[in-house]
PDB file of N, CA and C in Angstrom:
ATOM      1  N   ALA A   1       0.843  -1.192   0.000  1.00  0.00           N
ATOM      2  CA  ALA A   1       0.000   0.000   0.000  1.00  0.00           C
ATOM      3  C   ALA A   1       0.878   1.242   0.000  1.00  0.00           C
ATOM      4  N   PRO A   2       0.464   2.279  -0.713  1.00  0.00           N
ATOM      5  CA  PRO A   2       1.266   3.508  -0.748  1.00  0.00           C
ATOM      6  C   PRO A   2       1.240   4.189   0.624  1.00  0.00           C
ATOM      7  N   PRO A   3       2.284   4.919   0.965  1.00  0.00           N
ATOM      8  CA  PRO A   3       2.289   5.622   2.260  1.00  0.00           C
ATOM      9  C   PRO A   3       1.216   6.709   2.250  1.00  0.00           C
ATOM     10  N   PRO A   4       0.699   7.036   3.439  1.00  0.00           N
ATOM     11  CA  PRO A   4      -0.334   8.085   3.496  1.00  0.00           C
ATOM     12  C   PRO A   4       0.237   9.430   3.060  1.00  0.00           C
ATOM     13  N   ALA A   5      -0.607  10.239   2.475  1.00  0.00           N
ATOM     14  CA  ALA A   5      -0.191  11.567   2.033  1.00  0.00           C
ATOM     15  C   ALA A   5       0.177  12.400   3.257  1.00  0.00           C
ATOM     16  N   PRO A   6       1.178  13.252   3.149  1.00  0.00           N
ATOM     17  CA  PRO A   6       1.538  14.092   4.304  1.00  0.00           C
ATOM     18  C   PRO A   6       0.375  15.008   4.660  1.00  0.00           C
ATOM     19  N   ARG A   7       0.204  15.207   5.951  1.00  0.00           N
ATOM     20  CA  ARG A   7      -0.883  16.045   6.453  1.00  0.00           C
ATOM     21  C   ARG A   7      -0.376  17.476   6.572  1.00  0.00           C
ATOM     22  N   ILE A   8      -1.145  18.399   6.084  1.00  0.00           N
ATOM     23  CA  ILE A   8      -0.790  19.816   6.188  1.00  0.00           C
ATOM     24  C   ILE A   8      -1.361  20.338   7.497  1.00  0.00           C
ATOM     25  N   ALA A   9      -0.512  20.971   8.284  1.00  0.00           N
ATOM     26  CA  ALA A   9      -0.932  21.480   9.593  1.00  0.00           C
ATOM     27  C   ALA A   9      -2.006  22.552   9.424  1.00  0.00           C
ATOM     28  N   ASP A  10      -2.982  22.454  10.262  1.00  0.00           N
ATOM     29  CA  ASP A  10      -4.070  23.428  10.285  1.00  0.00           C
ATOM     30  C   ASP A  10      -3.846  24.312  11.514  1.00  0.00           C
ATOM     31  N   PRO A  11      -3.834  25.641  11.367  1.00  0.00           N
ATOM     32  CA  PRO A  11      -3.594  26.511  12.534  1.00  0.00           C
ATOM     33  C   PRO A  11      -4.597  26.270  13.661  1.00  0.00           C
ATOM     34  N   SER A  12      -5.788  25.781  13.356  1.00  0.00           N
ATOM     35  CA  SER A  12      -6.779  25.534  14.408  1.00  0.00           C
ATOM     36  C   SER A  12      -6.397  24.328  15.258  1.00  0.00           C
ATOM     37  N   ASP A  13      -5.404  23.523  14.803  1.00  0.00           N
ATOM     38  CA  ASP A  13      -4.930  22.380  15.580  1.00  0.00           C
ATOM     39  C   ASP A  13      -4.001  22.803  16.712  1.00  0.00           C
ATOM     40  N   ALA A  14      -3.528  24.021  16.688  1.00  0.00           N
ATOM     41  CA  ALA A  14      -2.556  24.467  17.687  1.00  0.00           C
ATOM     42  C   ALA A  14      -3.163  24.418  19.087  1.00  0.00           C
ATOM     43  N   ALA A  15      -2.328  24.083  20.039  1.00  0.00           N
ATOM     44  CA  ALA A  15      -2.778  24.047  21.434  1.00  0.00           C
ATOM     45  C   ALA A  15      -3.144  25.464  21.865  1.00  0.00           C
ATOM     46  N   PRO A  16      -4.129  25.585  22.746  1.00  0.00           N
ATOM     47  CA  PRO A  16      -4.476  26.927  23.209  1.00  0.00           C
ATOM     48  C   PRO A  16      -3.266  27.550  23.915  1.00  0.00           C
ATOM     49  N   THR A  17      -3.095  28.835  23.735  1.00  0.00           N
ATOM     50  CA  THR A  17      -1.948  29.479  24.349  1.00  0.00           C
ATOM     51  C   THR A  17      -2.228  29.747  25.817  1.00  0.00           C
ATOM     52  N   ALA A  18      -1.202  29.551  26.624  1.00  0.00           N
ATOM     53  CA  ALA A  18      -1.318  29.796  28.068  1.00  0.00           C
ATOM     54  C   ALA A  18      -1.234  31.292  28.311  1.00  0.00           C
ATOM     55  N   PRO A  19      -1.792  31.754  29.431  1.00  0.00           N
ATOM     56  CA  PRO A  19      -1.647  33.173  29.742  1.00  0.00           C
ATOM     57  C   PRO A  19      -0.163  33.480  29.972  1.00  0.00           C
ATOM     58  N   PRO A  20       0.246  34.696  29.716  1.00  0.00           N
ATOM     59  CA  PRO A  20       1.658  35.012  29.955  1.00  0.00           C
ATOM     60  C   PRO A  20       1.975  34.899  31.441  1.00  0.00           C
ATOM     61  N   ALA A  21       3.159  34.434  31.740  1.00  0.00           N
ATOM     62  CA  ALA A  21       3.566  34.309  33.141  1.00  0.00           C
ATOM     63  C   ALA A  21       3.629  35.699  33.768  1.00  0.00           C
ATOM     64  N   ALA A  22       3.288  35.757  35.038  1.00  0.00           N
ATOM     65  CA  ALA A  22       3.368  37.021  35.764  1.00  0.00           C
ATOM     66  C   ALA A  22       4.832  37.342  36.030  1.00  0.00           C
ATOM     67  N   PRO A  23       5.156  38.613  36.180  1.00  0.00           N
ATOM     68  CA  PRO A  23       6.544  38.943  36.510  1.00  0.00           C
ATOM     69  C   PRO A  23       6.892  38.390  37.893  1.00  0.00           C
ATOM     70  N   VAL A  24       8.147  38.002  38.062  1.00  0.00           N
ATOM     71  CA  VAL A  24       8.592  37.476  39.353  1.00  0.00           C
ATOM     72  C   VAL A  24       8.862  38.649  40.280  1.00  0.00           C
ATOM     73  N   VAL A  25       8.250  38.611  41.459  1.00  0.00           N
ATOM     74  CA  VAL A  25       8.437  39.663  42.453  1.00  0.00           C
ATOM     75  C   VAL A  25       9.131  39.043  43.659  1.00  0.00           C
ATOM     76  N   LYS A  26      10.260  39.596  44.051  1.00  0.00           N
ATOM     77  CA  LYS A  26      10.950  39.108  45.240  1.00  0.00           C
ATOM     78  C   LYS A  26      10.264  39.687  46.467  1.00  0.00           C
ATOM     79  N   ALA A  27      10.207  38.890  47.544  1.00  0.00           N
ATOM     80  CA  ALA A  27       9.561  39.353  48.774  1.00  0.00           C
ATOM     81  C   ALA A  27      10.181  40.653  49.260  1.00  0.00           C
ATOM     82  N   THR A  28      11.476  40.808  49.075  1.00  0.00           N
ATOM     83  CA  THR A  28      12.135  42.031  49.529  1.00  0.00           C
ATOM     84  C   THR A  28      11.741  43.251  48.697  1.00  0.00           C
ATOM     85  N   GLU A  29      11.182  43.016  47.503  1.00  0.00           N
ATOM     86  CA  GLU A  29      10.760  44.115  46.624  1.00  0.00           C
ATOM     87  C   GLU A  29       9.275  44.428  46.753  1.00  0.00           C
ATOM     88  N   PHE A  30       8.550  43.598  47.495  1.00  0.00           N
ATOM     89  CA  PHE A  30       7.102  43.780  47.615  1.00  0.00           C
ATOM     90  C   PHE A  30       6.798  44.605  48.857  1.00  0.00           C
ATOM     91  N   SER A  31       6.103  45.690  48.653  1.00  0.00           N
ATOM     92  CA  SER A  31       5.699  46.551  49.761  1.00  0.00           C
ATOM     93  C   SER A  31       4.197  46.782  49.654  1.00  0.00           C
ATOM     94  N   PRO A  32       3.403  46.099  50.510  1.00  0.00           N
ATOM     95  CA  PRO A  32       1.949  46.248  50.410  1.00  0.00           C
ATOM     96  C   PRO A  32       1.509  47.693  50.642  1.00  0.00           C
ATOM     97  N   GLU A  33       0.491  48.090  49.896  1.00  0.00           N
ATOM     98  CA  GLU A  33      -0.063  49.433  50.060  1.00  0.00           C
ATOM     99  C   GLU A  33      -0.937  49.460  51.309  1.00  0.00           C
ATOM    100  N   VAL A  34      -0.778  50.476  52.120  1.00  0.00           N
ATOM    101  CA  VAL A  34      -1.531  50.617  53.365  1.00  0.00           C
ATOM    102  C   VAL A  34      -3.030  50.661  53.076  1.00  0.00           C
ATOM    103  N   GLY A  35      -3.795  49.857  53.800  1.00  0.00           N
ATOM    104  CA  GLY A  35      -5.247  49.860  53.677  1.00  0.00           C
ATOM    105  C   GLY A  35      -5.799  49.071  52.509  1.00  0.00           C
ATOM    106  N   LYS A  36      -4.934  48.458  51.701  1.00  0.00           N
ATOM    107  CA  LYS A  36      -5.398  47.676  50.543  1.00  0.00           C
ATOM    108  C   LYS A  36      -5.561  46.206  50.922  1.00  0.00           C
ATOM    109  N   PHE A  37      -6.439  45.537  50.206  1.00  0.00           N
ATOM    110  CA  PHE A  37      -6.670  44.107  50.394  1.00  0.00           C
ATOM    111  C   PHE A  37      -5.827  43.317  49.403  1.00  0.00           C
ATOM    112  N   TYR A  38      -5.300  42.193  49.868  1.00  0.00           N
ATOM    113  CA  TYR A  38      -4.515  41.282  49.037  1.00  0.00           C
ATOM    114  C   TYR A  38      -5.062  39.879  49.224  1.00  0.00           C
ATOM    115  N   VAL A  39      -4.953  39.077  48.184  1.00  0.00           N
ATOM    116  CA  VAL A  39      -5.428  37.697  48.240  1.00  0.00           C
ATOM    117  C   VAL A  39      -4.315  36.812  48.795  1.00  0.00           C
ATOM    118  N   ILE A  40      -4.645  36.052  49.824  1.00  0.00           N
ATOM    119  CA  ILE A  40      -3.729  35.060  50.389  1.00  0.00           C
ATOM    120  C   ILE A  40      -4.193  33.711  49.847  1.00  0.00           C
ATOM    121  N   ALA A  41      -3.364  33.105  48.996  1.00  0.00           N
ATOM    122  CA  ALA A  41      -3.758  31.874  48.319  1.00  0.00           C
ATOM    123  C   ALA A  41      -3.603  30.646  49.212  1.00  0.00           C
ATOM    124  N   GLN A  42      -2.544  30.628  50.043  1.00  0.00           N
ATOM    125  CA  GLN A  42      -2.267  29.422  50.828  1.00  0.00           C
ATOM    126  C   GLN A  42      -1.274  29.760  51.936  1.00  0.00           C
ATOM    127  N   HIS A  43      -1.384  29.044  53.034  1.00  0.00           N
ATOM    128  CA  HIS A  43      -0.399  29.101  54.117  1.00  0.00           C
ATOM    129  C   HIS A  43       0.405  27.807  54.081  1.00  0.00           C
ATOM    130  N   PHE A  44       1.699  27.888  54.373  1.00  0.00           N
ATOM    131  CA  PHE A  44       2.588  26.719  54.396  1.00  0.00           C
ATOM    132  C   PHE A  44       3.410  26.760  55.677  1.00  0.00           C
ATOM    133  N   PRO A  45       3.564  25.636  56.370  1.00  0.00           N
ATOM    134  CA  PRO A  45       4.471  25.613  57.522  1.00  0.00           C
ATOM    135  C   PRO A  45       5.894  25.939  57.053  1.00  0.00           C
ATOM    136  N   LYS A  46       6.706  26.505  57.940  1.00  0.00           N
ATOM    137  CA  LYS A  46       8.078  26.893  57.575  1.00  0.00           C
ATOM    138  C   LYS A  46       8.888  25.715  57.040  1.00  0.00           C
ATOM    139  N   ASP A  47       8.598  24.489  57.504  1.00  0.00           N
ATOM    140  CA  ASP A  47       9.375  23.338  57.029  1.00  0.00           C
ATOM    141  C   ASP A  47       8.914  22.846  55.657  1.00  0.00           C
ATOM    142  N   LYS A  48       7.948  23.517  55.053  1.00  0.00           N
ATOM    143  CA  LYS A  48       7.446  23.159  53.717  1.00  0.00           C
ATOM    144  C   LYS A  48       7.816  24.229  52.687  1.00  0.00           C
ATOM    145  N   ARG A  49       8.996  24.809  52.844  1.00  0.00           N
ATOM    146  CA  ARG A  49       9.435  25.883  51.934  1.00  0.00           C
ATOM    147  C   ARG A  49       9.410  25.430  50.470  1.00  0.00           C
ATOM    148  N   ALA A  50       9.886  24.206  50.191  1.00  0.00           N
ATOM    149  CA  ALA A  50       9.914  23.726  48.802  1.00  0.00           C
ATOM    150  C   ALA A  50       8.499  23.664  48.231  1.00  0.00           C
ATOM    151  N   ASP A  51       7.524  23.208  49.038  1.00  0.00           N
ATOM    152  CA  ASP A  51       6.126  23.186  48.590  1.00  0.00           C
ATOM    153  C   ASP A  51       5.646  24.601  48.294  1.00  0.00           C
ATOM    154  N   ALA A  52       5.990  25.542  49.171  1.00  0.00           N
ATOM    155  CA  ALA A  52       5.574  26.940  48.993  1.00  0.00           C
ATOM    156  C   ALA A  52       6.173  27.520  47.719  1.00  0.00           C
ATOM    157  N   GLU A  53       7.437  27.223  47.465  1.00  0.00           N
ATOM    158  CA  GLU A  53       8.085  27.753  46.261  1.00  0.00           C
ATOM    159  C   GLU A  53       7.501  27.149  44.993  1.00  0.00           C
ATOM    160  N   ARG A  54       7.146  25.854  45.028  1.00  0.00           N
ATOM    161  CA  ARG A  54       6.503  25.230  43.851  1.00  0.00           C
ATOM    162  C   ARG A  54       5.132  25.855  43.592  1.00  0.00           C
ATOM    163  N   ALA A  55       4.360  26.086  44.658  1.00  0.00           N
ATOM    164  CA  ALA A  55       3.034  26.702  44.498  1.00  0.00           C
ATOM    165  C   ALA A  55       3.163  28.128  43.956  1.00  0.00           C
ATOM    166  N   LEU A  56       4.159  28.865  44.437  1.00  0.00           N
ATOM    167  CA  LEU A  56       4.414  30.216  43.931  1.00  0.00           C
ATOM    168  C   LEU A  56       4.724  30.161  42.441  1.00  0.00           C
ATOM    169  N   ALA A  57       5.622  29.277  42.042  1.00  0.00           N
ATOM    170  CA  ALA A  57       5.987  29.157  40.626  1.00  0.00           C
ATOM    171  C   ALA A  57       4.776  28.786  39.779  1.00  0.00           C
ATOM    172  N   PHE A  58       3.915  27.922  40.305  1.00  0.00           N
ATOM    173  CA  PHE A  58       2.707  27.501  39.581  1.00  0.00           C
ATOM    174  C   PHE A  58       1.793  28.701  39.337  1.00  0.00           C
ATOM    175  N   LEU A  59       1.503  29.480  40.378  1.00  0.00           N
ATOM    176  CA  LEU A  59       0.605  30.631  40.195  1.00  0.00           C
ATOM    177  C   LEU A  59       1.209  31.653  39.242  1.00  0.00           C
ATOM    178  N   VAL A  60       2.496  31.930  39.387  1.00  0.00           N
ATOM    179  CA  VAL A  60       3.152  32.897  38.495  1.00  0.00           C
ATOM    180  C   VAL A  60       3.077  32.405  37.051  1.00  0.00           C
ATOM    181  N   GLU A  61       3.302  31.109  36.851  1.00  0.00           N
ATOM    182  CA  GLU A  61       3.211  30.527  35.505  1.00  0.00           C
ATOM    183  C   GLU A  61       1.811  30.696  34.921  1.00  0.00           C
ATOM    184  N   LYS A  62       0.790  30.672  35.800  1.00  0.00           N
ATOM    185  CA  LYS A  62      -0.593  30.840  35.358  1.00  0.00           C
ATOM    186  C   LYS A  62      -0.977  32.306  35.169  1.00  0.00           C
ATOM    187  N   GLY A  63      -0.024  33.215  35.374  1.00  0.00           N
ATOM    188  CA  GLY A  63      -0.297  34.632  35.152  1.00  0.00           C
ATOM    189  C   GLY A  63      -0.773  35.388  36.378  1.00  0.00           C
ATOM    190  N   VAL A  64      -0.651  34.777  37.563  1.00  0.00           N
ATOM    191  CA  VAL A  64      -1.084  35.427  38.806  1.00  0.00           C
ATOM    192  C   VAL A  64       0.155  35.961  39.526  1.00  0.00           C
ATOM    193  N   PRO A  65       0.335  37.279  39.596  1.00  0.00           N
ATOM    194  CA  PRO A  65       1.497  37.823  40.305  1.00  0.00           C
ATOM    195  C   PRO A  65       1.386  37.485  41.793  1.00  0.00           C
ATOM    196  N   ALA A  66       2.444  36.904  42.339  1.00  0.00           N
ATOM    197  CA  ALA A  66       2.396  36.462  43.732  1.00  0.00           C
ATOM    198  C   ALA A  66       3.789  36.502  44.338  1.00  0.00           C
ATOM    199  N   VAL A  67       3.833  36.354  45.651  1.00  0.00           N
ATOM    200  CA  VAL A  67       5.080  36.402  46.404  1.00  0.00           C
ATOM    201  C   VAL A  67       4.913  35.558  47.656  1.00  0.00           C
ATOM    202  N   LEU A  68       6.013  35.036  48.185  1.00  0.00           N
ATOM    203  CA  LEU A  68       5.984  34.334  49.470  1.00  0.00           C
ATOM    204  C   LEU A  68       6.364  35.324  50.559  1.00  0.00           C
ATOM    205  N   LEU A  69       5.531  35.408  51.576  1.00  0.00           N
ATOM    206  CA  LEU A  69       5.785  36.321  52.693  1.00  0.00           C
ATOM    207  C   LEU A  69       6.029  35.522  53.962  1.00  0.00           C
ATOM    208  N   THR A  70       6.935  36.006  54.782  1.00  0.00           N
ATOM    209  CA  THR A  70       7.180  35.421  56.096  1.00  0.00           C
ATOM    210  C   THR A  70       7.925  36.459  56.922  1.00  0.00           C
ATOM    211  N   SER A  71       8.162  36.111  58.162  1.00  0.00           N
ATOM    212  CA  SER A  71       8.974  36.968  59.031  1.00  0.00           C
ATOM    213  C   SER A  71       9.742  36.057  59.978  1.00  0.00           C
ATOM    214  N   LYS A  72      10.713  36.617  60.671  1.00  0.00           N
ATOM    215  CA  LYS A  72      11.500  35.810  61.611  1.00  0.00           C
ATOM    216  C   LYS A  72      10.608  35.197  62.685  1.00  0.00           C
ATOM    217  N   GLU A  73       9.600  35.933  63.114  1.00  0.00           N
ATOM    218  CA  GLU A  73       8.714  35.473  64.185  1.00  0.00           C
ATOM    219  C   GLU A  73       7.678  34.458  63.697  1.00  0.00           C
ATOM    220  N   SER A  74       7.386  34.481  62.411  1.00  0.00           N
ATOM    221  CA  SER A  74       6.326  33.639  61.854  1.00  0.00           C
ATOM    222  C   SER A  74       6.755  32.178  61.758  1.00  0.00           C
ATOM    223  N   LYS A  75       5.788  31.289  61.918  1.00  0.00           N
ATOM    224  CA  LYS A  75       6.024  29.852  61.781  1.00  0.00           C
ATOM    225  C   LYS A  75       5.548  29.349  60.420  1.00  0.00           C
ATOM    226  N   GLU A  76       5.272  30.291  59.495  1.00  0.00           N
ATOM    227  CA  GLU A  76       4.731  29.891  58.202  1.00  0.00           C
ATOM    228  C   GLU A  76       5.146  30.831  57.089  1.00  0.00           C
ATOM    229  N   PHE A  77       4.899  30.356  55.866  1.00  0.00           N
ATOM    230  CA  PHE A  77       4.977  31.174  54.663  1.00  0.00           C
ATOM    231  C   PHE A  77       3.549  31.447  54.231  1.00  0.00           C
ATOM    232  N   ARG A  78       3.301  32.658  53.732  1.00  0.00           N
ATOM    233  CA  ARG A  78       2.004  32.986  53.133  1.00  0.00           C
ATOM    234  C   ARG A  78       2.244  33.238  51.655  1.00  0.00           C
ATOM    235  N   LEU A  79       1.494  32.530  50.820  1.00  0.00           N
ATOM    236  CA  LEU A  79       1.535  32.743  49.376  1.00  0.00           C
ATOM    237  C   LEU A  79       0.517  33.841  49.083  1.00  0.00           C
ATOM    238  N   ALA A  80       1.022  35.052  48.803  1.00  0.00           N
ATOM    239  CA  ALA A  80       0.157  36.222  48.632  1.00  0.00           C
ATOM    240  C   ALA A  80       0.210  36.716  47.197  1.00  0.00           C
ATOM    241  N   CYS A  81      -0.946  37.041  46.656  1.00  0.00           N
ATOM    242  CA  CYS A  81      -1.030  37.672  45.342  1.00  0.00           C
ATOM    243  C   CYS A  81      -0.716  39.153  45.533  1.00  0.00           C
ATOM    244  N   THR A  82       0.015  39.737  44.609  1.00  0.00           N
ATOM    245  CA  THR A  82       0.507  41.104  44.808  1.00  0.00           C
ATOM    246  C   THR A  82      -0.398  42.194  44.235  1.00  0.00           C
ATOM    247  N   THR A  83      -1.550  41.815  43.705  1.00  0.00           N
ATOM    248  CA  THR A  83      -2.481  42.808  43.167  1.00  0.00           C
ATOM    249  C   THR A  83      -3.279  43.422  44.318  1.00  0.00           C
ATOM    250  N   PRO A  84      -3.214  44.747  44.510  1.00  0.00           N
ATOM    251  CA  PRO A  84      -3.970  45.384  45.595  1.00  0.00           C
ATOM    252  C   PRO A  84      -5.426  45.646  45.189  1.00  0.00           C
ATOM    253  N   PHE A  85      -6.310  45.564  46.173  1.00  0.00           N
ATOM    254  CA  PHE A  85      -7.730  45.860  45.963  1.00  0.00           C
ATOM    255  C   PHE A  85      -8.193  46.842  47.025  1.00  0.00           C
ATOM    256  N   ASP A  86      -9.178  47.682  46.659  1.00  0.00           N
ATOM    257  CA  ASP A  86      -9.706  48.669  47.598  1.00  0.00           C
ATOM    258  C   ASP A  86     -10.647  48.067  48.622  1.00  0.00           C
ATOM    259  N   ALA A  87     -11.251  46.905  48.299  1.00  0.00           N
ATOM    260  CA  ALA A  87     -12.206  46.275  49.209  1.00  0.00           C
ATOM    261  C   ALA A  87     -12.156  44.763  49.022  1.00  0.00           C
ATOM    262  N   ALA A  88     -12.578  44.039  50.045  1.00  0.00           N
ATOM    263  CA  ALA A  88     -12.586  42.575  49.975  1.00  0.00           C
ATOM    264  C   ALA A  88     -13.457  42.104  48.812  1.00  0.00           C
ATOM    265  N   LYS A  89     -14.585  42.756  48.595  1.00  0.00           N
ATOM    266  CA  LYS A  89     -15.493  42.370  47.505  1.00  0.00           C
ATOM    267  C   LYS A  89     -14.789  42.462  46.142  1.00  0.00           C
ATOM    268  N   ALA A  90     -13.958  43.459  45.978  1.00  0.00           N
ATOM    269  CA  ALA A  90     -13.255  43.652  44.707  1.00  0.00           C
ATOM    270  C   ALA A  90     -12.270  42.519  44.421  1.00  0.00           C
ATOM    271  N   ALA A  91     -11.820  41.823  45.470  1.00  0.00           N
ATOM    272  CA  ALA A  91     -10.845  40.736  45.304  1.00  0.00           C
ATOM    273  C   ALA A  91     -11.504  39.401  44.959  1.00  0.00           C
ATOM    274  N   GLU A  92     -12.826  39.341  44.965  1.00  0.00           N
ATOM    275  CA  GLU A  92     -13.524  38.063  44.775  1.00  0.00           C
ATOM    276  C   GLU A  92     -13.207  37.388  43.449  1.00  0.00           C
ATOM    277  N   SER A  93     -13.029  38.149  42.376  1.00  0.00           N
ATOM    278  CA  SER A  93     -12.751  37.510  41.083  1.00  0.00           C
ATOM    279  C   SER A  93     -11.366  36.862  41.087  1.00  0.00           C
ATOM    280  N   LEU A  94     -10.389  37.498  41.741  1.00  0.00           N
ATOM    281  CA  LEU A  94      -9.062  36.891  41.831  1.00  0.00           C
ATOM    282  C   LEU A  94      -9.100  35.656  42.735  1.00  0.00           C
ATOM    283  N   ILE A  95      -9.861  35.715  43.809  1.00  0.00           N
ATOM    284  CA  ILE A  95     -10.014  34.541  44.682  1.00  0.00           C
ATOM    285  C   ILE A  95     -10.576  33.376  43.876  1.00  0.00           C
ATOM    286  N   ALA A  96     -11.608  33.637  43.081  1.00  0.00           N
ATOM    287  CA  ALA A  96     -12.212  32.582  42.250  1.00  0.00           C
ATOM    288  C   ALA A  96     -11.193  32.038  41.251  1.00  0.00           C
ATOM    289  N   GLN A  97     -10.398  32.925  40.649  1.00  0.00           N
ATOM    290  CA  GLN A  97      -9.379  32.506  39.680  1.00  0.00           C
ATOM    291  C   GLN A  97      -8.343  31.604  40.361  1.00  0.00           C
ATOM    292  N   VAL A  98      -7.863  31.988  41.528  1.00  0.00           N
ATOM    293  CA  VAL A  98      -6.856  31.206  42.252  1.00  0.00           C
ATOM    294  C   VAL A  98      -7.435  29.840  42.632  1.00  0.00           C
ATOM    295  N   LYS A  99      -8.686  29.818  43.091  1.00  0.00           N
ATOM    296  CA  LYS A  99      -9.315  28.538  43.440  1.00  0.00           C
ATOM    297  C   LYS A  99      -9.456  27.638  42.213  1.00  0.00           C
ATOM    298  N   ARG A 100      -9.777  28.223  41.053  1.00  0.00           N
ATOM    299  CA  ARG A 100      -9.849  27.428  39.813  1.00  0.00           C
ATOM    300  C   ARG A 100      -8.486  26.817  39.497  1.00  0.00           C
ATOM    301  N   HIS A 101      -7.439  27.614  39.624  1.00  0.00           N
ATOM    302  CA  HIS A 101      -6.090  27.088  39.401  1.00  0.00           C
ATOM    303  C   HIS A 101      -5.786  25.986  40.411  1.00  0.00           C
ATOM    304  N   GLY A 102      -6.301  26.112  41.610  1.00  0.00           N
ATOM    305  CA  GLY A 102      -6.071  25.110  42.646  1.00  0.00           C
ATOM    306  C   GLY A 102      -6.617  23.746  42.281  1.00  0.00           C
ATOM    307  N   THR A 103      -7.685  23.702  41.489  1.00  0.00           N
ATOM    308  CA  THR A 103      -8.227  22.401  41.081  1.00  0.00           C
ATOM    309  C   THR A 103      -7.243  21.648  40.194  1.00  0.00           C
ATOM    310  N   ALA A 104      -6.381  22.386  39.483  1.00  0.00           N
ATOM    311  CA  ALA A 104      -5.357  21.753  38.654  1.00  0.00           C
ATOM    312  C   ALA A 104      -4.086  21.468  39.453  1.00  0.00           C
ATOM    313  N   TYR A 105      -3.983  22.046  40.632  1.00  0.00           N
ATOM    314  CA  TYR A 105      -2.771  21.903  41.443  1.00  0.00           C
ATOM    315  C   TYR A 105      -2.939  20.885  42.570  1.00  0.00           C
ATOM    316  N   VAL A 106      -4.145  20.371  42.750  1.00  0.00           N
ATOM    317  CA  VAL A 106      -4.474  19.535  43.905  1.00  0.00           C
ATOM    318  C   VAL A 106      -3.562  18.320  44.046  1.00  0.00           C
ATOM    319  N   GLU A 107      -3.051  17.785  42.936  1.00  0.00           N
ATOM    320  CA  GLU A 107      -2.184  16.603  43.030  1.00  0.00           C
ATOM    321  C   GLU A 107      -0.886  16.906  43.784  1.00  0.00           C
ATOM    322  N   ASN A 108      -0.573  18.162  43.983  1.00  0.00           N
ATOM    323  CA  ASN A 108       0.613  18.549  44.738  1.00  0.00           C
ATOM    324  C   ASN A 108       0.335  18.702  46.233  1.00  0.00           C
ATOM    325  N   GLY A 109      -0.880  18.360  46.639  1.00  0.00           N
ATOM    326  CA  GLY A 109      -1.227  18.393  48.061  1.00  0.00           C
ATOM    327  C   GLY A 109      -1.874  19.677  48.536  1.00  0.00           C
ATOM    328  N   TYR A 110      -2.048  20.628  47.650  1.00  0.00           N
ATOM    329  CA  TYR A 110      -2.666  21.910  48.007  1.00  0.00           C
ATOM    330  C   TYR A 110      -3.661  22.270  46.909  1.00  0.00           C
ATOM    331  N   ASN A 111      -4.769  22.921  47.301  1.00  0.00           N
ATOM    332  CA  ASN A 111      -5.748  23.292  46.281  1.00  0.00           C
ATOM    333  C   ASN A 111      -6.179  24.752  46.368  1.00  0.00           C
ATOM    334  N   PHE A 112      -5.546  25.517  47.229  1.00  0.00           N
ATOM    335  CA  PHE A 112      -5.853  26.941  47.405  1.00  0.00           C
ATOM    336  C   PHE A 112      -7.310  27.164  47.811  1.00  0.00           C
ATOM    337  N   GLY A 113      -7.956  26.110  48.351  1.00  0.00           N
ATOM    338  CA  GLY A 113      -9.369  26.187  48.725  1.00  0.00           C
ATOM    339  C   GLY A 113      -9.660  27.156  49.859  1.00  0.00           C
ATOM    340  N   GLY A 114      -8.672  27.444  50.673  1.00  0.00           N
ATOM    341  CA  GLY A 114      -8.865  28.383  51.780  1.00  0.00           C
ATOM    342  C   GLY A 114      -8.459  29.799  51.420  1.00  0.00           C
ATOM    343  N   CYS A 115      -8.336  30.066  50.146  1.00  0.00           N
ATOM    344  CA  CYS A 115      -7.939  31.373  49.628  1.00  0.00           C
ATOM    345  C   CYS A 115      -8.884  32.469  50.156  1.00  0.00           C
ATOM    346  N   TYR A 116      -8.323  33.592  50.567  1.00  0.00           N
ATOM    347  CA  TYR A 116      -9.135  34.687  51.115  1.00  0.00           C
ATOM    348  C   TYR A 116      -8.420  36.016  50.878  1.00  0.00           C
ATOM    349  N   SER A 117      -9.119  37.117  51.133  1.00  0.00           N
ATOM    350  CA  SER A 117      -8.470  38.423  51.031  1.00  0.00           C
ATOM    351  C   SER A 117      -8.338  39.022  52.429  1.00  0.00           C
ATOM    352  N   ASN A 118      -7.311  39.831  52.583  1.00  0.00           N
ATOM    353  CA  ASN A 118      -7.044  40.433  53.877  1.00  0.00           C
ATOM    354  C   ASN A 118      -6.215  41.687  53.648  1.00  0.00           C
ATOM    355  N   VAL A 119      -6.279  42.604  54.601  1.00  0.00           N
ATOM    356  CA  VAL A 119      -5.426  43.795  54.546  1.00  0.00           C
ATOM    357  C   VAL A 119      -4.061  43.385  55.098  1.00  0.00           C
ATOM    358  N   LEU A 120      -3.018  43.571  54.299  1.00  0.00           N
ATOM    359  CA  LEU A 120      -1.660  43.271  54.762  1.00  0.00           C
ATOM    360  C   LEU A 120      -1.106  44.515  55.443  1.00  0.00           C
ATOM    361  N   ARG A 121      -0.720  44.353  56.671  1.00  0.00           N
ATOM    362  CA  ARG A 121      -0.185  45.490  57.412  1.00  0.00           C
ATOM    363  C   ARG A 121       1.320  45.606  57.284  1.00  0.00           C
ATOM    364  N   LYS A 122       1.975  44.456  57.176  1.00  0.00           N
ATOM    365  CA  LYS A 122       3.428  44.453  56.968  1.00  0.00           C
ATOM    366  C   LYS A 122       3.801  43.113  56.373  1.00  0.00           C
ATOM    367  N   LYS A 123       5.026  43.003  55.894  1.00  0.00           N
ATOM    368  CA  LYS A 123       5.487  41.754  55.263  1.00  0.00           C
ATOM    369  C   LYS A 123       5.513  40.622  56.263  1.00  0.00           C
TER     370      LYS A 123
END
């Protein structure tokens, strides 16, 4: 039998394009605006730094600007989105977006299901 004719690529066959990755923000470069609300995607115990860094990379890859916050006194890392909001209600769409991403991240042991907004007073 003759070999099959070569198939010409159809542009509609292309995989959907992913959102552009968010810029990487170092915790030392992030300064929350006073009185603004920020989305906290997940809390991680201090001994789970590698998990926290993987979750941060995942959200940034999905186009959600985020940073890991902690302090010397804290026993945890907070995965915080860096987009400021004037009110908790205004942050609801980002909370929903992060939770949707969490459904794809659940195999890593975290699903961002406890995602919430809060006023950040300091790093």
